Protein backbone atom coordinates (compact mmCIF):
# COMPACT_ATOMS: atom_id res chain seq x y z
CA VAL A 1 -3.36 -211.02 -72.78
CA ILE A 2 -5.14 -214.14 -74.02
CA ASP A 3 -1.77 -215.81 -74.66
CA ASN A 4 -1.17 -215.96 -70.90
CA TRP A 5 -4.45 -217.80 -70.40
CA LEU A 6 -3.90 -220.11 -73.38
CA ARG A 7 -0.44 -221.04 -72.12
CA HIS A 8 -2.06 -222.99 -69.28
CA ILE A 9 -4.19 -224.90 -71.76
CA ARG A 10 -1.11 -225.68 -73.82
CA ASP A 11 0.66 -226.91 -70.68
CA VAL A 12 -2.25 -229.26 -69.95
CA GLN A 13 -2.16 -230.49 -73.55
CA ARG A 14 1.60 -231.10 -73.34
CA THR A 15 1.38 -232.84 -69.96
CA HIS A 16 -1.39 -235.19 -71.15
CA PHE A 17 -0.21 -235.54 -74.75
CA VAL A 18 -0.11 -239.35 -74.71
CA GLU A 19 -3.69 -239.68 -73.45
CA LEU A 20 -5.03 -237.02 -75.79
CA SER A 21 -3.21 -238.39 -78.84
CA LYS A 22 -5.09 -241.69 -78.45
CA ILE A 23 -8.45 -239.94 -78.91
CA THR A 24 -9.27 -239.75 -82.61
CA ASP A 25 -12.61 -237.94 -82.43
CA GLU A 26 -11.84 -234.20 -82.29
CA ASP A 27 -14.94 -233.34 -80.23
CA ALA A 28 -14.11 -236.04 -77.69
CA LYS A 29 -10.49 -234.87 -77.58
CA PHE A 30 -11.61 -231.29 -76.94
CA ARG A 31 -13.99 -232.39 -74.17
CA ARG A 32 -11.23 -234.42 -72.50
CA LEU A 33 -8.79 -231.50 -72.74
CA CYS A 34 -11.40 -229.33 -71.00
CA GLU A 35 -11.82 -231.97 -68.27
CA LEU A 36 -8.07 -232.26 -67.76
CA ASN A 37 -7.82 -228.48 -67.55
CA VAL A 38 -10.47 -228.39 -64.80
CA ILE A 39 -8.55 -231.04 -62.85
CA GLU A 40 -5.33 -229.03 -63.23
CA GLN A 41 -7.13 -225.91 -62.02
CA VAL A 42 -8.21 -227.75 -58.85
CA HIS A 43 -4.50 -228.27 -58.17
CA ASN A 44 -3.78 -224.59 -58.88
CA VAL A 45 -6.55 -223.37 -56.58
CA CYS A 46 -5.44 -225.71 -53.78
CA SER A 47 -1.85 -224.52 -54.20
CA SER A 48 -2.87 -220.90 -53.71
CA THR A 49 -1.88 -219.13 -50.51
CA ILE A 50 -5.53 -218.15 -49.95
CA VAL A 51 -6.82 -221.72 -49.77
CA GLN A 52 -3.79 -222.98 -47.86
CA SER A 53 -4.05 -220.16 -45.31
CA ALA A 54 -7.71 -221.02 -44.80
CA TRP A 55 -6.84 -224.67 -44.19
CA ASP A 56 -4.04 -223.64 -41.82
CA ALA A 57 -6.59 -221.55 -39.91
CA GLY A 58 -8.85 -224.59 -39.55
CA GLU A 59 -11.40 -223.61 -42.19
CA GLU A 60 -13.21 -226.46 -43.92
CA ILE A 61 -12.78 -225.97 -47.66
CA SER A 62 -13.26 -228.51 -50.42
CA VAL A 63 -12.36 -227.83 -54.04
CA HIS A 64 -14.21 -230.01 -56.56
CA ALA A 65 -13.58 -230.66 -60.25
CA TRP A 66 -16.91 -230.16 -62.00
CA ILE A 67 -17.46 -229.21 -65.62
CA TYR A 68 -20.51 -227.94 -67.45
CA ASP A 69 -21.07 -229.07 -71.03
CA VAL A 70 -23.05 -226.52 -73.04
CA ALA A 71 -23.76 -229.21 -75.66
CA ASP A 72 -25.94 -231.30 -73.34
CA GLY A 73 -26.54 -228.92 -70.44
CA LEU A 74 -25.16 -231.36 -67.89
CA LEU A 75 -22.86 -230.68 -64.96
CA LYS A 76 -20.34 -233.51 -64.67
CA ASP A 77 -18.44 -234.44 -61.52
CA LEU A 78 -14.92 -235.42 -62.60
CA GLY A 79 -14.33 -237.36 -59.38
CA VAL A 80 -11.62 -235.07 -58.02
CA ALA A 81 -12.06 -233.27 -54.72
CA VAL A 82 -9.41 -231.87 -52.38
CA SER A 83 -10.43 -231.13 -48.81
CA ASN A 84 -7.16 -230.74 -46.92
CA PRO A 85 -3.58 -229.61 -47.40
CA THR A 86 -2.12 -233.13 -47.24
CA ALA A 87 -3.45 -233.68 -50.76
CA VAL A 88 -1.30 -230.82 -52.06
CA ASN A 89 2.21 -231.71 -53.19
CA GLN A 90 4.77 -230.69 -50.57
CA LEU A 91 6.51 -228.45 -53.12
CA TYR A 92 3.43 -226.23 -53.25
CA ARG A 93 2.74 -226.00 -49.53
CA THR A 94 3.20 -222.53 -48.11
CA LYS A 95 3.38 -223.47 -44.44
CA LYS A 96 6.92 -224.45 -43.43
CA ASN A 97 5.93 -227.32 -41.14
CA ALA A 98 3.33 -228.75 -43.51
């Protein structure tokens, strides 16, 4: 069961391999991988039929990329927020005329 969840992390690592390979400090590399995963999950949430249906119905929904670091207790805004369906790649839109 955990392999299914870890596959997404491995996909993020593969997609951002060049950036991550430039980070020599293992703790910093792990933190950046976590940040990149959160950003990818914003895309996944916004690509879901639930969020897209809400947007199509005129609901105001914003999905933000925030991460909590247990090491310092801080919540960090990663500067990514999606508030409308136009920010979602056309391939992932569920509405035909979107």
